[in-house]
Amino acid sequence: KELLSGLTPKLIATLKTLFEHNLQLNATAEALGIHRHTLTYRLEKIRATCQLDPLQFQDAIKLQIALWFE
């Protein structure tokens, strides 16, 4: 929970959708109903807040596990 504590509900939903779509940016943006650039902006906010990059395998695993235990 501590890992995700700085994220807004919108950013958490973005992460969940990203993982549901196997880190595919276009599919994630479409599922969220946002532009791909908006998605990359949100991912940058997640990187800045958590110090983890959701598009990097090892960081994505940590974030996914944190979401499971949320």
N, C-alpha and C. Protein backbone atom coordinates (compact mmCIF):
# COMPACT_ATOMS: atom_id res chain seq x y z
N LYS A 1 0.83 -1.20 0.00
CA LYS A 1 0.00 0.00 0.00
C LYS A 1 0.86 1.25 0.00
N GLU A 2 1.98 1.18 0.68
CA GLU A 2 2.86 2.34 0.76
C GLU A 2 3.37 2.74 -0.62
N LEU A 3 3.63 1.75 -1.45
CA LEU A 3 4.14 2.01 -2.81
C LEU A 3 3.14 2.81 -3.64
N LEU A 4 1.86 2.54 -3.46
CA LEU A 4 0.82 3.19 -4.25
C LEU A 4 0.19 4.39 -3.54
N SER A 5 0.63 4.70 -2.34
CA SER A 5 -0.04 5.70 -1.53
C SER A 5 -0.08 7.10 -2.16
N GLY A 6 0.88 7.44 -2.98
CA GLY A 6 0.90 8.76 -3.59
C GLY A 6 0.10 8.87 -4.88
N LEU A 7 -0.47 7.76 -5.31
CA LEU A 7 -1.20 7.76 -6.59
C LEU A 7 -2.67 8.08 -6.40
N THR A 8 -3.21 8.84 -7.33
CA THR A 8 -4.63 9.15 -7.32
C THR A 8 -5.41 7.94 -7.83
N PRO A 9 -6.70 7.87 -7.55
CA PRO A 9 -7.51 6.77 -8.10
C PRO A 9 -7.42 6.68 -9.63
N LYS A 10 -7.30 7.83 -10.29
CA LYS A 10 -7.19 7.83 -11.76
C LYS A 10 -5.89 7.16 -12.20
N LEU A 11 -4.80 7.42 -11.49
CA LEU A 11 -3.52 6.81 -11.85
C LEU A 11 -3.51 5.31 -11.53
N ILE A 12 -4.17 4.93 -10.46
CA ILE A 12 -4.27 3.50 -10.14
C ILE A 12 -5.10 2.78 -11.20
N ALA A 13 -6.18 3.39 -11.64
CA ALA A 13 -7.00 2.81 -12.71
C ALA A 13 -6.19 2.71 -14.00
N THR A 14 -5.36 3.70 -14.25
CA THR A 14 -4.50 3.67 -15.44
C THR A 14 -3.55 2.49 -15.36
N LEU A 15 -2.93 2.28 -14.21
CA LEU A 15 -2.01 1.15 -14.03
C LEU A 15 -2.73 -0.18 -14.24
N LYS A 16 -3.89 -0.33 -13.62
CA LYS A 16 -4.65 -1.58 -13.76
C LYS A 16 -4.98 -1.85 -15.21
N THR A 17 -5.41 -0.84 -15.93
CA THR A 17 -5.77 -1.00 -17.34
C THR A 17 -4.54 -1.32 -18.16
N LEU A 18 -3.41 -0.69 -17.86
CA LEU A 18 -2.16 -0.97 -18.57
C LEU A 18 -1.79 -2.43 -18.41
N PHE A 19 -1.89 -2.96 -17.21
CA PHE A 19 -1.54 -4.36 -16.98
C PHE A 19 -2.56 -5.30 -17.62
N GLU A 20 -3.83 -4.92 -17.63
CA GLU A 20 -4.86 -5.74 -18.29
C GLU A 20 -4.62 -5.84 -19.78
N HIS A 21 -3.93 -4.85 -20.34
CA HIS A 21 -3.66 -4.84 -21.78
C HIS A 21 -2.19 -5.12 -22.09
N ASN A 22 -1.54 -5.85 -21.18
CA ASN A 22 -0.17 -6.34 -21.40
C ASN A 22 0.81 -5.24 -21.80
N LEU A 23 0.69 -4.10 -21.16
CA LEU A 23 1.60 -2.95 -21.36
C LEU A 23 1.54 -2.37 -22.77
N GLN A 24 0.47 -2.65 -23.49
CA GLN A 24 0.32 -2.09 -24.84
C GLN A 24 -0.34 -0.72 -24.72
N LEU A 25 0.42 0.30 -25.10
CA LEU A 25 -0.03 1.67 -24.89
C LEU A 25 -1.28 2.02 -25.70
N ASN A 26 -1.31 1.65 -26.97
CA ASN A 26 -2.47 2.00 -27.79
C ASN A 26 -3.74 1.34 -27.27
N ALA A 27 -3.66 0.07 -26.93
CA ALA A 27 -4.83 -0.64 -26.41
C ALA A 27 -5.28 -0.06 -25.06
N THR A 28 -4.32 0.31 -24.23
CA THR A 28 -4.63 0.90 -22.93
C THR A 28 -5.32 2.25 -23.09
N ALA A 29 -4.76 3.09 -23.95
CA ALA A 29 -5.35 4.41 -24.18
C ALA A 29 -6.77 4.28 -24.72
N GLU A 30 -6.96 3.35 -25.64
CA GLU A 30 -8.30 3.13 -26.20
C GLU A 30 -9.28 2.67 -25.13
N ALA A 31 -8.83 1.74 -24.29
CA ALA A 31 -9.71 1.21 -23.23
C ALA A 31 -10.07 2.31 -22.22
N LEU A 32 -9.15 3.22 -21.97
CA LEU A 32 -9.41 4.31 -21.04
C LEU A 32 -10.17 5.46 -21.69
N GLY A 33 -10.23 5.46 -23.02
CA GLY A 33 -10.90 6.53 -23.73
C GLY A 33 -10.10 7.83 -23.71
N ILE A 34 -8.77 7.70 -23.72
CA ILE A 34 -7.90 8.87 -23.69
C ILE A 34 -6.92 8.81 -24.86
N HIS A 35 -6.28 9.93 -25.14
CA HIS A 35 -5.26 9.98 -26.19
C HIS A 35 -3.99 9.31 -25.67
N ARG A 36 -3.21 8.76 -26.57
CA ARG A 36 -1.98 8.07 -26.19
C ARG A 36 -1.02 9.01 -25.45
N HIS A 37 -0.98 10.27 -25.84
CA HIS A 37 -0.11 11.23 -25.16
C HIS A 37 -0.57 11.49 -23.72
N THR A 38 -1.86 11.45 -23.50
CA THR A 38 -2.39 11.58 -22.14
C THR A 38 -1.94 10.39 -21.30
N LEU A 39 -1.97 9.22 -21.90
CA LEU A 39 -1.51 8.02 -21.21
C LEU A 39 -0.03 8.14 -20.84
N THR A 40 0.80 8.57 -21.76
CA THR A 40 2.23 8.70 -21.46
C THR A 40 2.46 9.75 -20.37
N TYR A 41 1.65 10.80 -20.35
CA TYR A 41 1.74 11.81 -19.28
C TYR A 41 1.41 11.17 -17.93
N ARG A 42 0.35 10.38 -17.90
CA ARG A 42 -0.01 9.70 -16.65
C ARG A 42 1.08 8.73 -16.20
N LEU A 43 1.66 8.01 -17.15
CA LEU A 43 2.73 7.07 -16.80
C LEU A 43 3.94 7.80 -16.25
N GLU A 44 4.21 8.97 -16.77
CA GLU A 44 5.31 9.79 -16.25
C GLU A 44 5.01 10.24 -14.82
N LYS A 45 3.76 10.58 -14.53
CA LYS A 45 3.38 10.96 -13.16
C LYS A 45 3.55 9.77 -12.21
N ILE A 46 3.22 8.58 -12.69
CA ILE A 46 3.41 7.37 -11.88
C ILE A 46 4.90 7.16 -11.61
N ARG A 47 5.73 7.31 -12.65
CA ARG A 47 7.19 7.18 -12.49
C ARG A 47 7.72 8.17 -11.45
N ALA A 48 7.28 9.40 -11.55
CA ALA A 48 7.76 10.45 -10.65
C ALA A 48 7.31 10.20 -9.21
N THR A 49 6.11 9.69 -9.04
CA THR A 49 5.55 9.48 -7.71
C THR A 49 6.12 8.23 -7.04
N CYS A 50 6.18 7.13 -7.78
CA CYS A 50 6.58 5.84 -7.21
C CYS A 50 8.06 5.52 -7.38
N GLN A 51 8.72 6.29 -8.24
CA GLN A 51 10.12 5.99 -8.59
C GLN A 51 10.25 4.63 -9.26
N LEU A 52 9.18 4.19 -9.93
CA LEU A 52 9.16 2.94 -10.68
C LEU A 52 8.56 3.20 -12.05
N ASP A 53 9.13 2.58 -13.07
CA ASP A 53 8.64 2.75 -14.43
C ASP A 53 7.75 1.57 -14.80
N PRO A 54 6.45 1.80 -14.96
CA PRO A 54 5.54 0.69 -15.24
C PRO A 54 5.79 0.00 -16.57
N LEU A 55 6.61 0.58 -17.43
CA LEU A 55 6.92 -0.06 -18.71
C LEU A 55 8.21 -0.88 -18.66
N GLN A 56 8.88 -0.87 -17.53
CA GLN A 56 10.07 -1.70 -17.33
C GLN A 56 9.66 -2.94 -16.56
N PHE A 57 10.09 -4.10 -17.04
CA PHE A 57 9.61 -5.39 -16.51
C PHE A 57 9.72 -5.49 -14.99
N GLN A 58 10.89 -5.25 -14.43
CA GLN A 58 11.06 -5.42 -12.98
C GLN A 58 10.21 -4.44 -12.18
N ASP A 59 10.09 -3.22 -12.66
CA ASP A 59 9.24 -2.24 -11.98
C ASP A 59 7.77 -2.59 -12.13
N ALA A 60 7.39 -3.07 -13.30
CA ALA A 60 5.99 -3.45 -13.54
C ALA A 60 5.57 -4.57 -12.60
N ILE A 61 6.45 -5.52 -12.35
CA ILE A 61 6.14 -6.62 -11.44
C ILE A 61 5.86 -6.07 -10.04
N LYS A 62 6.72 -5.17 -9.57
CA LYS A 62 6.52 -4.58 -8.24
C LYS A 62 5.19 -3.85 -8.15
N LEU A 63 4.88 -3.10 -9.19
CA LEU A 63 3.61 -2.36 -9.20
C LEU A 63 2.42 -3.30 -9.26
N GLN A 64 2.52 -4.36 -10.05
CA GLN A 64 1.41 -5.32 -10.16
C GLN A 64 1.17 -6.00 -8.82
N ILE A 65 2.22 -6.41 -8.16
CA ILE A 65 2.07 -7.04 -6.85
C ILE A 65 1.45 -6.07 -5.85
N ALA A 66 1.87 -4.82 -5.88
CA ALA A 66 1.27 -3.81 -4.99
C ALA A 66 -0.22 -3.65 -5.27
N LEU A 67 -0.60 -3.71 -6.54
CA LEU A 67 -2.03 -3.61 -6.88
C LEU A 67 -2.80 -4.83 -6.37
N TRP A 68 -2.21 -6.00 -6.45
CA TRP A 68 -2.88 -7.21 -5.96
C TRP A 68 -3.15 -7.12 -4.46
N PHE A 69 -2.24 -6.48 -3.72
CA PHE A 69 -2.38 -6.39 -2.28
C PHE A 69 -3.04 -5.10 -1.82
N GLU A 70 -3.52 -4.33 -2.77
CA GLU A 70 -4.17 -3.05 -2.46
C GLU A 70 -5.43 -3.26 -1.65
